[in-house]
Protein backbone atom coordinates (compact mmCIF):
# COMPACT_ATOMS: atom_id res chain seq x y z
CA MET A 1 140.06 119.89 75.87
CA THR A 2 141.48 121.48 78.57
CA LYS A 3 142.66 124.89 78.84
CA ARG A 4 146.79 125.32 79.84
CA LYS A 5 147.89 128.75 81.75
CA ASP A 6 148.65 130.37 78.88
CA GLY A 7 145.71 130.30 77.13
CA SER A 8 146.55 126.64 75.07
CA SER A 9 144.34 123.85 74.46
CA ARG A 10 144.85 120.29 74.80
CA GLU A 11 143.74 117.11 74.67
CA LEU A 12 142.65 115.10 77.56
CA ARG A 13 143.94 111.62 76.55
CA MET A 14 141.91 108.25 77.88
CA LEU A 15 142.22 106.78 80.85
CA ASN A 16 142.93 102.28 80.56
CA LEU A 17 140.30 100.65 82.29
CA ASP A 18 142.72 100.07 85.75
CA GLU A 19 143.14 103.49 86.12
CA PHE A 20 139.84 104.52 85.85
CA LEU A 21 139.29 101.82 87.88
CA ASN A 22 141.73 102.44 90.68
CA ILE A 23 140.24 106.43 91.53
CA GLN A 24 138.98 107.18 94.37
CA PHE A 25 135.62 108.68 94.04
CA GLU A 26 134.44 110.93 97.77
CA ARG A 27 131.29 108.89 98.91
CA VAL A 28 129.61 109.50 102.33
CA VAL A 29 128.83 106.82 104.41
CA PHE A 30 125.30 106.70 105.22
CA SER A 31 123.58 104.64 108.22
CA GLY A 32 120.07 103.54 108.92
CA ALA A 33 117.16 103.61 106.92
CA TRP A 34 118.93 106.06 104.83
CA ARG A 35 121.42 104.01 104.07
CA GLU A 36 119.41 100.39 103.25
CA LEU A 37 117.85 102.85 100.85
CA ILE A 38 120.20 104.92 99.18
CA GLY A 39 124.06 103.25 99.70
CA ASN A 40 126.49 105.43 100.24
CA PRO A 41 126.63 107.49 97.63
CA SER A 42 128.85 111.32 96.82
CA LEU A 43 126.94 114.34 97.37
CA THR A 44 127.28 116.02 93.36
CA GLY A 45 125.46 115.14 90.92
CA ILE A 46 121.52 114.74 90.03
CA TRP A 47 119.55 113.07 92.18
CA THR A 48 115.57 112.79 92.01
CA MET A 49 111.94 112.97 94.61
CA TYR A 50 108.78 112.36 92.80
CA GLY A 51 105.20 111.28 94.16
CA ASN A 52 101.39 112.44 93.56
CA SER A 53 100.11 115.31 96.52
CA SER A 54 99.51 114.87 99.85
CA ASN A 55 101.66 111.85 100.68
CA GLY A 56 104.04 113.13 102.20
CA LYS A 57 106.72 114.90 100.00
CA THR A 58 107.92 118.02 101.02
CA THR A 59 107.72 116.16 103.57
CA GLY A 60 110.17 113.45 102.82
CA ALA A 61 112.44 116.16 101.12
CA ILE A 62 112.55 117.60 104.62
CA LYS A 63 113.53 114.59 106.14
CA LEU A 64 116.31 113.62 103.81
CA ALA A 65 117.71 118.01 103.87
CA GLN A 66 118.29 117.63 107.52
CA TYR A 67 120.07 114.13 107.32
CA LEU A 68 122.27 115.39 104.98
CA THR A 69 123.27 118.61 107.49
CA ARG A 70 125.12 115.48 108.93
CA PHE A 71 127.78 115.92 106.04
CA GLU A 72 127.75 119.12 104.37
CA LYS A 73 124.77 122.44 103.93
CA CYS A 74 121.42 123.02 101.97
CA ILE A 75 119.56 124.84 100.33
CA TYR A 76 116.66 124.34 100.55
CA TRP A 77 114.63 126.46 98.01
CA SER A 78 111.04 126.26 97.16
CA LYS A 79 108.79 128.15 94.91
CA GLU A 80 105.59 126.49 95.43
CA GLU A 81 104.91 127.49 98.76
CA ASP A 82 107.73 129.71 98.96
CA ALA A 83 109.02 131.62 101.61
CA SER A 84 105.72 131.01 103.63
CA ALA A 85 103.82 130.16 106.56
CA SER A 86 103.04 126.59 105.03
CA LEU A 87 106.62 126.18 104.51
CA GLN A 88 107.63 127.29 107.92
CA ASP A 89 104.41 124.75 109.33
CA ALA A 90 106.48 122.38 106.62
CA PHE A 91 109.37 122.25 108.81
CA SER A 92 107.82 122.30 112.22
CA ARG A 93 106.58 119.13 111.38
CA VAL A 94 110.03 117.68 111.27
CA GLU A 95 111.68 117.52 114.46
CA ILE A 96 115.28 119.58 113.32
CA LEU A 97 117.60 120.29 116.12
CA PRO A 98 119.17 123.23 116.32
CA SER A 99 122.30 122.15 115.32
CA GLU A 100 120.88 120.94 111.72
CA ARG A 101 118.85 124.20 111.63
CA LYS A 102 122.22 126.19 110.93
CA ASN A 103 123.00 124.12 107.77
CA ILE A 104 119.78 124.45 105.64
CA PHE A 105 119.38 127.73 104.38
CA VAL A 106 115.55 128.71 102.91
CA PRO A 107 116.03 131.97 100.44
CA GLN A 108 113.22 134.62 100.61
CA ARG A 109 110.92 135.42 98.96
CA GLY A 110 111.99 137.37 95.28
CA GLU A 111 115.41 135.16 95.27
CA THR A 112 116.30 134.58 91.29
CA LEU A 113 117.78 132.11 89.73
CA GLU A 114 121.16 133.92 88.77
CA GLY A 115 121.61 134.84 92.36
CA ILE A 116 121.66 130.98 92.99
CA LYS A 117 124.10 130.65 91.21
CA GLU A 118 126.33 133.21 92.57
CA LYS A 119 125.52 131.26 96.30
CA LEU A 120 126.27 128.03 94.25
CA ARG A 121 129.28 129.85 93.11
CA LYS A 122 131.10 130.13 95.89
CA PRO A 123 134.14 128.28 96.81
CA LYS A 124 132.19 127.76 100.11
CA GLY A 125 128.72 128.23 99.37
CA PRO A 126 126.36 125.19 100.49
CA GLN A 127 127.42 121.56 98.53
CA ILE A 128 123.67 120.50 97.91
CA ILE A 129 120.50 121.96 96.96
CA PHE A 130 116.52 120.79 97.22
CA PHE A 131 114.18 122.96 94.03
CA ASP A 132 110.62 121.60 95.37
CA SER A 133 108.93 122.05 93.23
CA LEU A 134 111.00 120.85 89.53
CA GLN A 135 107.63 122.03 87.70
CA ILE A 136 106.85 125.57 88.93
CA PHE A 137 110.69 125.94 88.53
CA ALA A 138 109.36 125.03 84.68
CA LYS A 139 107.51 127.12 84.81
CA LYS A 140 108.87 130.49 86.08
CA TYR A 141 111.91 129.76 84.19
CA GLY A 142 111.58 126.81 81.21
CA ASN A 143 112.86 123.59 81.08
CA GLN A 144 116.48 125.23 80.12
CA PHE A 145 116.49 126.45 83.68
CA TYR A 146 117.14 122.56 84.54
CA TYR A 147 119.69 121.84 81.79
CA ASP A 148 121.85 125.20 82.07
CA LEU A 149 122.44 123.80 86.24
CA LYS A 150 122.95 119.92 85.18
CA GLU A 151 125.90 121.89 83.67
CA GLU A 152 127.41 124.37 85.01
CA PHE A 153 127.39 122.64 88.53
CA ALA A 154 126.63 118.52 88.97
CA HIS A 155 129.90 117.38 88.75
CA LYS A 156 130.48 119.55 91.67
CA LYS A 157 127.65 120.26 93.92
CA LEU A 158 124.35 118.22 94.94
CA LEU A 159 120.72 119.17 93.24
CA ILE A 160 118.09 117.60 94.27
CA TYR A 161 114.48 118.20 92.47
CA VAL A 162 111.64 117.30 94.74
CA GLY A 163 108.60 116.85 92.03
CA GLN A 164 105.24 116.56 91.24
CA ALA A 165 103.97 112.34 89.88
CA ASP A 166 101.89 110.88 86.93
CA GLY A 167 100.81 107.67 88.92
CA LYS A 168 103.63 105.76 90.03
CA ASN A 169 105.92 108.27 87.00
CA PRO A 170 107.21 111.89 87.32
CA LYS A 171 105.07 114.28 86.09
CA GLY A 172 106.28 115.69 82.32
CA THR A 173 108.85 115.20 80.40
CA LEU A 174 111.19 117.31 82.33
CA GLY A 175 110.95 114.84 84.78
CA ASP A 176 111.16 112.01 82.59
CA ASP A 177 115.07 113.84 81.86
CA VAL A 178 115.59 114.26 85.56
CA LYS A 179 115.09 110.84 86.18
CA PHE A 180 117.13 109.24 83.29
CA ASP A 181 119.63 112.21 84.92
CA ALA A 182 119.43 111.11 88.07
CA ASP A 183 122.06 108.54 90.31
CA VAL A 184 119.31 108.38 93.03
CA LYS A 185 115.65 108.36 92.40
CA MET A 186 112.86 108.29 94.84
CA ARG A 187 109.36 107.78 94.85
CA VAL A 188 106.58 109.08 97.64
CA GLU A 189 103.32 106.52 97.96
CA GLY A 190 101.60 106.65 101.11
CA HIS A 191 104.34 108.65 103.50
CA ARG A 192 106.72 106.31 102.49
CA ILE A 193 110.56 107.03 99.90
CA TYR A 194 111.75 103.77 97.53
CA ALA A 195 114.33 104.23 96.09
CA GLU A 196 115.31 102.79 92.29
CA SER A 197 118.78 103.90 91.30
CA ARG A 198 122.64 103.57 89.89
CA ILE A 199 123.23 103.72 93.40
CA ARG A 200 121.62 100.82 95.21
CA GLY A 201 121.36 100.76 99.28
CA SER A 202 121.95 98.25 101.36
CA LYS A 203 118.53 96.22 101.69
CA ARG A 204 116.46 95.15 98.76
CA GLY A 205 112.88 96.65 98.79
CA ALA A 206 113.85 99.34 101.60
CA PHE A 207 111.68 102.15 102.16
CA VAL A 208 112.31 105.62 104.59
CA THR A 209 108.91 106.12 106.90
CA VAL A 210 107.80 109.60 106.74
CA CYS A 211 104.42 109.31 108.87
CA GLU A 212 104.61 106.74 110.12
CA GLU A 213 100.68 106.78 111.40
CA LEU A 214 99.83 108.02 108.36
CA ALA A 215 101.58 105.62 106.32
CA ASN A 216 99.88 102.67 108.59
CA GLU A 217 97.01 103.99 107.17
CA TYR A 218 97.09 103.94 103.58
CA TRP A 219 99.58 101.04 103.45
CA GLY A 220 97.91 99.29 106.42
CA ASN A 221 99.33 95.57 106.70
CA GLN A 222 100.98 96.07 103.37
CA GLN A 223 104.68 95.64 104.21
């Protein structure tokens, strides 16, 4: 049901297949390694990036945020490191240009979930928000925070959850739910980002390298 201007309700009719296939969904055009990995996605919905500790997960997420500034403004909200010296160091490891820096916003210590929701509700507010890490946010706000954000924002904003892993899978039942919901699923291992997504990239077996030196140490001659 949808509401008319007078407050009354009307039932939405279903689309036939011709009508549905003719809908022009808004997508962005990626290039290079990110296009090979992800393709040309829509910047709405849910994405996830997960990996084990010390494999380059946070740096990989920051590199993705840097790339996405070509298209939209991003919030990078870290509850794992907060607005701290260690998070500052993580950003410094990525060569982010001054023009890109203006489009990445870092919430201050003490920022609340309700405060972030208000920022996302603003008509000209950032389009993309990273939550790092999923498990830390769940400990603070409970698992329901994810489902509430999904219900209110996933149809109009892009919510990217950076999470811990258990081997090659997301950690915990919430991690599994997020992976199930996500259009773009990225796994970080050995300082490389791999994808298994509903939105396929243009190259089978593609990956984005987080740190060339550390990736070479981890993988050796293995591709």
